[in-house]
Structure formats: structure tokens, C-alpha cells
PDB file of N, CA and C in Angstrom:
ATOM      1  N   MET A   1       3.926   0.996 -44.031  1.00  0.00           N
ATOM      2  CA  MET A   1       2.372   1.235 -44.170  1.00  0.00           C
ATOM      3  C   MET A   1       2.657   2.421 -45.437  1.00  0.00           C
ATOM      4  N   SER A   2       1.192   2.311 -45.820  1.00  0.00           N
ATOM      5  CA  SER A   2       0.690   2.435 -46.483  1.00  0.00           C
ATOM      6  C   SER A   2      -0.313   4.100 -45.814  1.00  0.00           C
ATOM      7  N   PHE A   3      -0.045   5.289 -46.527  1.00  0.00           N
ATOM      8  CA  PHE A   3      -1.278   6.227 -46.254  1.00  0.00           C
ATOM      9  C   PHE A   3      -2.263   6.964 -47.702  1.00  0.00           C
ATOM     10  N   LEU A   4      -3.181   7.333 -47.447  1.00  0.00           N
ATOM     11  CA  LEU A   4      -3.383   7.665 -48.382  1.00  0.00           C
ATOM     12  C   LEU A   4      -4.006   8.971 -47.859  1.00  0.00           C
ATOM     13  N   LEU A   5      -4.746   9.992 -48.758  1.00  0.00           N
ATOM     14  CA  LEU A   5      -4.453  11.511 -48.405  1.00  0.00           C
ATOM     15  C   LEU A   5      -5.789  11.700 -49.193  1.00  0.00           C
ATOM     16  N   PHE A   6      -6.672  12.480 -48.833  1.00  0.00           N
ATOM     17  CA  PHE A   6      -8.514  12.929 -48.612  1.00  0.00           C
ATOM     18  C   PHE A   6      -8.107  14.210 -48.759  1.00  0.00           C
ATOM     19  N   ALA A   7      -8.672  14.885 -49.886  1.00  0.00           N
ATOM     20  CA  ALA A   7      -8.589  16.220 -49.909  1.00  0.00           C
ATOM     21  C   ALA A   7     -10.041  17.149 -50.352  1.00  0.00           C
ATOM     22  N   GLY A   8     -10.338  18.233 -50.236  1.00  0.00           N
ATOM     23  CA  GLY A   8     -11.605  19.153 -51.125  1.00  0.00           C
ATOM     24  C   GLY A   8     -11.584  20.541 -50.561  1.00  0.00           C
ATOM     25  N   ASP A   9     -12.306  20.995 -51.025  1.00  0.00           N
ATOM     26  CA  ASP A   9     -12.526  22.460 -50.562  1.00  0.00           C
ATOM     27  C   ASP A   9     -13.185  22.255 -49.641  1.00  0.00           C
ATOM     28  N   GLU A  10     -13.519  23.337 -48.916  1.00  0.00           N
ATOM     29  CA  GLU A  10     -13.541  22.823 -47.354  1.00  0.00           C
ATOM     30  C   GLU A  10     -15.358  23.637 -47.152  1.00  0.00           C
ATOM     31  N   TYR A  11     -15.685  24.420 -48.269  1.00  0.00           N
ATOM     32  CA  TYR A  11     -16.904  23.984 -48.284  1.00  0.00           C
ATOM     33  C   TYR A  11     -17.862  23.174 -49.332  1.00  0.00           C
ATOM     34  N   TYR A  12     -17.101  22.532 -50.274  1.00  0.00           N
ATOM     35  CA  TYR A  12     -17.195  21.616 -51.413  1.00  0.00           C
ATOM     36  C   TYR A  12     -16.194  20.310 -51.729  1.00  0.00           C
ATOM     37  N   PRO A  13     -16.793  19.956 -50.660  1.00  0.00           N
ATOM     38  CA  PRO A  13     -16.301  18.179 -50.814  1.00  0.00           C
ATOM     39  C   PRO A  13     -17.259  17.195 -51.100  1.00  0.00           C
ATOM     40  N   MET A  14     -16.248  17.010 -51.914  1.00  0.00           N
ATOM     41  CA  MET A  14     -16.912  15.147 -53.075  1.00  0.00           C
ATOM     42  C   MET A  14     -17.957  14.584 -52.235  1.00  0.00           C
ATOM     43  N   GLY A  15     -16.791  14.426 -50.701  1.00  0.00           N
ATOM     44  CA  GLY A  15     -17.448  13.169 -49.975  1.00  0.00           C
ATOM     45  C   GLY A  15     -17.102  12.190 -50.422  1.00  0.00           C
ATOM     46  N   GLY A  16     -16.141  11.240 -49.310  1.00  0.00           N
ATOM     47  CA  GLY A  16     -15.569   9.475 -48.854  1.00  0.00           C
ATOM     48  C   GLY A  16     -14.952   9.795 -50.286  1.00  0.00           C
ATOM     49  N   ALA A  17     -14.870   8.550 -50.467  1.00  0.00           N
ATOM     50  CA  ALA A  17     -14.270   8.408 -51.940  1.00  0.00           C
ATOM     51  C   ALA A  17     -13.392   8.857 -52.824  1.00  0.00           C
ATOM     52  N   ASN A  18     -14.325   9.936 -53.278  1.00  0.00           N
ATOM     53  CA  ASN A  18     -14.389  10.813 -54.181  1.00  0.00           C
ATOM     54  C   ASN A  18     -13.547  12.268 -53.780  1.00  0.00           C
ATOM     55  N   ASP A  19     -13.392  12.133 -52.496  1.00  0.00           N
ATOM     56  CA  ASP A  19     -12.199  13.452 -52.111  1.00  0.00           C
ATOM     57  C   ASP A  19     -10.935  12.269 -52.329  1.00  0.00           C
ATOM     58  N   PHE A  20     -10.810  11.142 -52.614  1.00  0.00           N
ATOM     59  CA  PHE A  20      -9.398  10.711 -52.512  1.00  0.00           C
ATOM     60  C   PHE A  20      -8.074  11.114 -53.626  1.00  0.00           C
ATOM     61  N   LYS A  21      -7.442  11.908 -52.783  1.00  0.00           N
ATOM     62  CA  LYS A  21      -5.773  11.891 -54.129  1.00  0.00           C
ATOM     63  C   LYS A  21      -4.992  10.724 -54.287  1.00  0.00           C
ATOM     64  N   SER A  22      -4.268  10.046 -53.055  1.00  0.00           N
ATOM     65  CA  SER A  22      -3.497   9.599 -53.297  1.00  0.00           C
ATOM     66  C   SER A  22      -3.048   8.622 -52.592  1.00  0.00           C
ATOM     67  N   LYS A  23      -1.960   7.495 -52.873  1.00  0.00           N
ATOM     68  CA  LYS A  23      -1.464   6.813 -52.015  1.00  0.00           C
ATOM     69  C   LYS A  23      -0.192   6.993 -51.635  1.00  0.00           C
ATOM     70  N   HIS A  24       0.239   6.689 -50.922  1.00  0.00           N
ATOM     71  CA  HIS A  24       1.589   6.873 -50.104  1.00  0.00           C
ATOM     72  C   HIS A  24       2.446   6.194 -49.120  1.00  0.00           C
ATOM     73  N   GLU A  25       4.055   5.743 -49.247  1.00  0.00           N
ATOM     74  CA  GLU A  25       4.719   4.835 -48.521  1.00  0.00           C
ATOM     75  C   GLU A  25       4.831   5.522 -47.207  1.00  0.00           C
ATOM     76  N   THR A  26       5.153   7.000 -47.093  1.00  0.00           N
ATOM     77  CA  THR A  26       5.570   7.825 -45.622  1.00  0.00           C
ATOM     78  C   THR A  26       4.212   9.072 -45.391  1.00  0.00           C
ATOM     79  N   ILE A  27       4.256   9.042 -44.198  1.00  0.00           N
ATOM     80  CA  ILE A  27       3.387  10.712 -44.072  1.00  0.00           C
ATOM     81  C   ILE A  27       3.175  11.690 -44.410  1.00  0.00           C
ATOM     82  N   ASP A  28       5.101  11.273 -44.675  1.00  0.00           N
ATOM     83  CA  ASP A  28       5.085  12.531 -44.935  1.00  0.00           C
ATOM     84  C   ASP A  28       5.449  13.202 -47.018  1.00  0.00           C
ATOM     85  N   ASP A  29       5.699  11.894 -47.036  1.00  0.00           N
ATOM     86  CA  ASP A  29       5.062  11.709 -48.617  1.00  0.00           C
ATOM     87  C   ASP A  29       3.680  11.978 -48.782  1.00  0.00           C
ATOM     88  N   ALA A  30       2.970  12.109 -47.858  1.00  0.00           N
ATOM     89  CA  ALA A  30       1.366  12.855 -48.390  1.00  0.00           C
ATOM     90  C   ALA A  30       1.536  13.549 -48.145  1.00  0.00           C
ATOM     91  N   ILE A  31       2.029  14.145 -46.920  1.00  0.00           N
ATOM     92  CA  ILE A  31       1.570  16.415 -46.347  1.00  0.00           C
ATOM     93  C   ILE A  31       2.543  16.607 -47.771  1.00  0.00           C
ATOM     94  N   SER A  32       3.688  16.076 -48.193  1.00  0.00           N
ATOM     95  CA  SER A  32       4.315  16.713 -49.920  1.00  0.00           C
ATOM     96  C   SER A  32       2.923  16.294 -50.265  1.00  0.00           C
ATOM     97  N   ALA A  33       2.227  16.040 -51.034  1.00  0.00           N
ATOM     98  CA  ALA A  33       1.676  15.787 -51.917  1.00  0.00           C
ATOM     99  C   ALA A  33      -0.008  17.119 -52.032  1.00  0.00           C
ATOM    100  N   HIS A  34       0.391  16.793 -50.596  1.00  0.00           N
ATOM    101  CA  HIS A  34      -1.081  18.239 -50.799  1.00  0.00           C
ATOM    102  C   HIS A  34      -0.965  19.295 -51.285  1.00  0.00           C
ATOM    103  N   ASP A  35      -1.468  19.467 -51.808  1.00  0.00           N
ATOM    104  CA  ASP A  35      -1.192  21.167 -53.067  1.00  0.00           C
ATOM    105  C   ASP A  35      -2.211  22.237 -52.504  1.00  0.00           C
ATOM    106  N   PRO A  36      -2.371  23.046 -51.369  1.00  0.00           N
ATOM    107  CA  PRO A  36      -3.323  23.937 -50.664  1.00  0.00           C
ATOM    108  C   PRO A  36      -3.620  24.573 -51.249  1.00  0.00           C
ATOM    109  N   THR A  37      -2.580  24.780 -52.548  1.00  0.00           N
ATOM    110  CA  THR A  37      -3.337  26.313 -53.502  1.00  0.00           C
ATOM    111  C   THR A  37      -4.120  26.127 -54.703  1.00  0.00           C
ATOM    112  N   GLU A  38      -4.623  24.233 -54.684  1.00  0.00           N
ATOM    113  CA  GLU A  38      -5.750  23.896 -55.844  1.00  0.00           C
ATOM    114  C   GLU A  38      -7.301  24.008 -55.087  1.00  0.00           C
ATOM    115  N   HIS A  39      -7.274  24.315 -54.161  1.00  0.00           N
ATOM    116  CA  HIS A  39      -8.163  23.921 -53.488  1.00  0.00           C
ATOM    117  C   HIS A  39      -8.208  25.766 -53.000  1.00  0.00           C
ATOM    118  N   ASN A  40      -9.791  26.215 -52.785  1.00  0.00           N
ATOM    119  CA  ASN A  40     -10.313  27.753 -52.098  1.00  0.00           C
ATOM    120  C   ASN A  40     -10.127  27.664 -50.690  1.00  0.00           C
ATOM    121  N   TYR A  41     -10.531  28.683 -49.983  1.00  0.00           N
ATOM    122  CA  TYR A  41     -10.702  28.743 -48.970  1.00  0.00           C
ATOM    123  C   TYR A  41     -10.039  28.473 -47.751  1.00  0.00           C
ATOM    124  N   ASP A  42      -8.403  29.222 -48.316  1.00  0.00           N
ATOM    125  CA  ASP A  42      -7.459  29.003 -47.509  1.00  0.00           C
ATOM    126  C   ASP A  42      -7.104  27.299 -47.262  1.00  0.00           C
ATOM    127  N   GLY A  43      -7.119  26.822 -48.499  1.00  0.00           N
ATOM    128  CA  GLY A  43      -6.107  25.955 -49.448  1.00  0.00           C
ATOM    129  C   GLY A  43      -7.390  24.198 -48.400  1.00  0.00           C
ATOM    130  N   GLY A  44      -8.286  24.864 -48.396  1.00  0.00           N
ATOM    131  CA  GLY A  44      -8.993  23.587 -47.908  1.00  0.00           C
ATOM    132  C   GLY A  44      -8.764  22.615 -47.158  1.00  0.00           C
ATOM    133  N   TRP A  45      -9.031  21.083 -47.354  1.00  0.00           N
ATOM    134  CA  TRP A  45      -9.088  20.898 -45.728  1.00  0.00           C
ATOM    135  C   TRP A  45      -8.192  18.896 -46.281  1.00  0.00           C
ATOM    136  N   ALA A  46      -7.540  18.465 -45.354  1.00  0.00           N
ATOM    137  CA  ALA A  46      -6.739  16.930 -45.908  1.00  0.00           C
ATOM    138  C   ALA A  46      -7.076  16.527 -44.637  1.00  0.00           C
ATOM    139  N   ASN A  47      -6.676  14.970 -45.017  1.00  0.00           N
ATOM    140  CA  ASN A  47      -7.073  13.823 -44.116  1.00  0.00           C
ATOM    141  C   ASN A  47      -5.541  12.560 -44.730  1.00  0.00           C
ATOM    142  N   ILE A  48      -4.697  12.012 -43.785  1.00  0.00           N
ATOM    143  CA  ILE A  48      -4.416  11.280 -43.681  1.00  0.00           C
ATOM    144  C   ILE A  48      -5.056  10.065 -43.246  1.00  0.00           C
ATOM    145  N   PHE A  49      -4.724   9.467 -44.119  1.00  0.00           N
ATOM    146  CA  PHE A  49      -5.900   7.725 -42.860  1.00  0.00           C
ATOM    147  C   PHE A  49      -4.296   6.638 -43.125  1.00  0.00           C
ATOM    148  N   CYS A  50      -4.158   5.989 -42.093  1.00  0.00           N
ATOM    149  CA  CYS A  50      -3.122   5.148 -42.172  1.00  0.00           C
ATOM    150  C   CYS A  50      -4.077   3.792 -42.257  1.00  0.00           C
ATOM    151  N   LEU A  51      -3.776   3.101 -43.433  1.00  0.00           N
ATOM    152  CA  LEU A  51      -4.131   1.522 -43.813  1.00  0.00           C
ATOM    153  C   LEU A  51      -3.767   0.740 -42.802  1.00  0.00           C
ATOM    154  N   ASP A  52      -2.740   0.658 -42.081  1.00  0.00           N
ATOM    155  CA  ASP A  52      -2.155  -0.003 -41.394  1.00  0.00           C
ATOM    156  C   ASP A  52      -2.688   0.136 -39.890  1.00  0.00           C
ATOM    157  N   GLN A  53      -3.614   1.077 -39.465  1.00  0.00           N
ATOM    158  CA  GLN A  53      -3.824   1.395 -38.355  1.00  0.00           C
ATOM    159  C   GLN A  53      -5.402   1.917 -37.973  1.00  0.00           C
ATOM    160  N   LEU A  54      -6.225   2.028 -39.412  1.00  0.00           N
ATOM    161  CA  LEU A  54      -7.158   2.326 -39.619  1.00  0.00           C
ATOM    162  C   LEU A  54      -8.084   3.511 -38.939  1.00  0.00           C
ATOM    163  N   LYS A  55      -7.199   4.256 -39.655  1.00  0.00           N
ATOM    164  CA  LYS A  55      -7.523   5.153 -38.553  1.00  0.00           C
ATOM    165  C   LYS A  55      -6.775   7.302 -39.257  1.00  0.00           C
ATOM    166  N   ILE A  56      -7.153   8.636 -38.908  1.00  0.00           N
ATOM    167  CA  ILE A  56      -6.738   9.759 -39.565  1.00  0.00           C
ATOM    168  C   ILE A  56      -6.146   9.849 -38.199  1.00  0.00           C
ATOM    169  N   VAL A  57      -4.548   9.910 -39.136  1.00  0.00           N
ATOM    170  CA  VAL A  57      -2.809  10.124 -38.734  1.00  0.00           C
ATOM    171  C   VAL A  57      -2.761  11.805 -38.564  1.00  0.00           C
ATOM    172  N   ALA A  58      -3.621  12.217 -39.747  1.00  0.00           N
ATOM    173  CA  ALA A  58      -3.024  13.499 -39.674  1.00  0.00           C
ATOM    174  C   ALA A  58      -3.833  14.666 -41.199  1.00  0.00           C
ATOM    175  N   THR A  59      -4.257  15.514 -39.698  1.00  0.00           N
ATOM    176  CA  THR A  59      -5.539  16.424 -40.624  1.00  0.00           C
ATOM    177  C   THR A  59      -5.223  18.269 -41.183  1.00  0.00           C
ATOM    178  N   PHE A  60      -5.705  18.552 -41.991  1.00  0.00           N
ATOM    179  CA  PHE A  60      -4.865  19.553 -42.310  1.00  0.00           C
ATOM    180  C   PHE A  60      -5.913  20.575 -42.702  1.00  0.00           C
ATOM    181  N   ASP A  61      -5.927  21.845 -42.232  1.00  0.00           N
ATOM    182  CA  ASP A  61      -6.902  22.647 -41.666  1.00  0.00           C
ATOM    183  C   ASP A  61      -6.018  24.128 -42.621  1.00  0.00           C
ATOM    184  N   ARG A  62      -6.747  25.708 -42.055  1.00  0.00           N
ATOM    185  CA  ARG A  62      -6.312  26.645 -42.768  1.00  0.00           C
ATOM    186  C   ARG A  62      -5.337  27.325 -41.436  1.00  0.00           C
ATOM    187  N   SER A  63      -5.434  26.298 -40.634  1.00  0.00           N
ATOM    188  CA  SER A  63      -3.681  26.371 -39.289  1.00  0.00           C
ATOM    189  C   SER A  63      -2.277  25.865 -39.695  1.00  0.00           C
ATOM    190  N   GLY A  64      -2.815  24.497 -40.762  1.00  0.00           N
ATOM    191  CA  GLY A  64      -1.494  23.834 -41.160  1.00  0.00           C
ATOM    192  C   GLY A  64      -1.721  22.821 -40.349  1.00  0.00           C
ATOM    193  N   TRP A  65      -0.535  22.003 -40.588  1.00  0.00           N
ATOM    194  CA  TRP A  65      -1.115  19.940 -40.226  1.00  0.00           C
ATOM    195  C   TRP A  65      -0.999  19.769 -38.766  1.00  0.00           C
ATOM    196  N   ALA A  66      -1.349  19.297 -38.511  1.00  0.00           N
ATOM    197  CA  ALA A  66      -1.866  18.924 -37.156  1.00  0.00           C
ATOM    198  C   ALA A  66      -1.944  17.349 -37.049  1.00  0.00           C
ATOM    199  N   ILE A  67      -0.588  16.513 -36.750  1.00  0.00           N
ATOM    200  CA  ILE A  67      -0.206  14.960 -36.189  1.00  0.00           C
ATOM    201  C   ILE A  67      -0.747  14.551 -35.251  1.00  0.00           C
ATOM    202  N   LYS A  68      -2.249  13.736 -35.577  1.00  0.00           N
ATOM    203  CA  LYS A  68      -2.335  13.420 -34.350  1.00  0.00           C
ATOM    204  C   LYS A  68      -1.471  12.627 -33.577  1.00  0.00           C
ATOM    205  N   SER A  69      -1.349  12.529 -32.053  1.00  0.00           N
ATOM    206  CA  SER A  69      -0.844  12.488 -30.597  1.00  0.00           C
ATOM    207  C   SER A  69      -0.448  10.995 -30.600  1.00  0.00           C
ATOM    208  N   ASN A  70       0.430  10.504 -30.272  1.00  0.00           N
ATOM    209  CA  ASN A  70       0.551   8.940 -29.292  1.00  0.00           C
ATOM    210  C   ASN A  70       0.269   7.887 -30.360  1.00  0.00           C
ATOM    211  N   GLU A  71       1.173   8.999 -32.103  1.00  0.00           N
ATOM    212  CA  GLU A  71       1.910   7.921 -33.098  1.00  0.00           C
ATOM    213  C   GLU A  71       2.669   7.354 -32.797  1.00  0.00           C
ATOM    214  N   SER A  72       2.795   5.826 -33.082  1.00  0.00           N
ATOM    215  CA  SER A  72       4.222   5.187 -34.022  1.00  0.00           C
ATOM    216  C   SER A  72       5.236   5.984 -34.924  1.00  0.00           C
ATOM    217  N   ASP A  73       5.795   5.178 -34.971  1.00  0.00           N
ATOM    218  CA  ASP A  73       7.298   6.085 -35.803  1.00  0.00           C
ATOM    219  C   ASP A  73       6.148   6.182 -37.550  1.00  0.00           C
ATOM    220  N   MET A  74       5.514   6.785 -37.662  1.00  0.00           N
ATOM    221  CA  MET A  74       4.715   5.969 -38.665  1.00  0.00           C
ATOM    222  C   MET A  74       5.463   6.903 -40.217  1.00  0.00           C
ATOM    223  N   THR A  75       7.097   7.076 -39.818  1.00  0.00           N
ATOM    224  CA  THR A  75       7.889   8.341 -41.258  1.00  0.00           C
ATOM    225  C   THR A  75       8.231   6.646 -42.240  1.00  0.00           C
ATOM    226  N   LYS A  76       8.635   5.496 -41.582  1.00  0.00           N
ATOM    227  CA  LYS A  76       9.588   4.639 -42.538  1.00  0.00           C
ATOM    228  C   LYS A  76       8.752   3.185 -42.530  1.00  0.00           C
TER     229      LYS A  76
END
């Protein structure tokens, strides 16, 4: 599987593909790649998009990471 990490500041998103950060083979690698210290306002926001499922499978906000429920094993 392939996972795309999108992230930005909560109040100043660049929008769409401009918020793309990196591509990863596992959801865990994508989560690890997000550096909340580079964003203002409690670490900004982040979304992890699964290219195989064509949907957002994890989100980050000031509360931390939330993995979308009912997903198959996405770490392999």
C-alpha cells in the first residue's frame, strides 16, 4: 500500500496538493513523518490518504492522531 501525508498550519493551509508532504509504504511511517513542531497552533493538522483505498485513513489535530475505524491492516 501507499500512503500520502498532507499537513499544514491550522489557520494557513496552502490547499490541496500544495499541502502534500511525503509518500510512505506504511501508515506508521506516514504518522512518524509528521513533525508537529514545524506547524503553528498546536501542531497544525495532517491527513494520511491511502492510494489503494482512495480515502483518508488517519487525521491529526491538536488532540493527536485518529485512525479511521473499520480499516484493514494498513501497516503491511
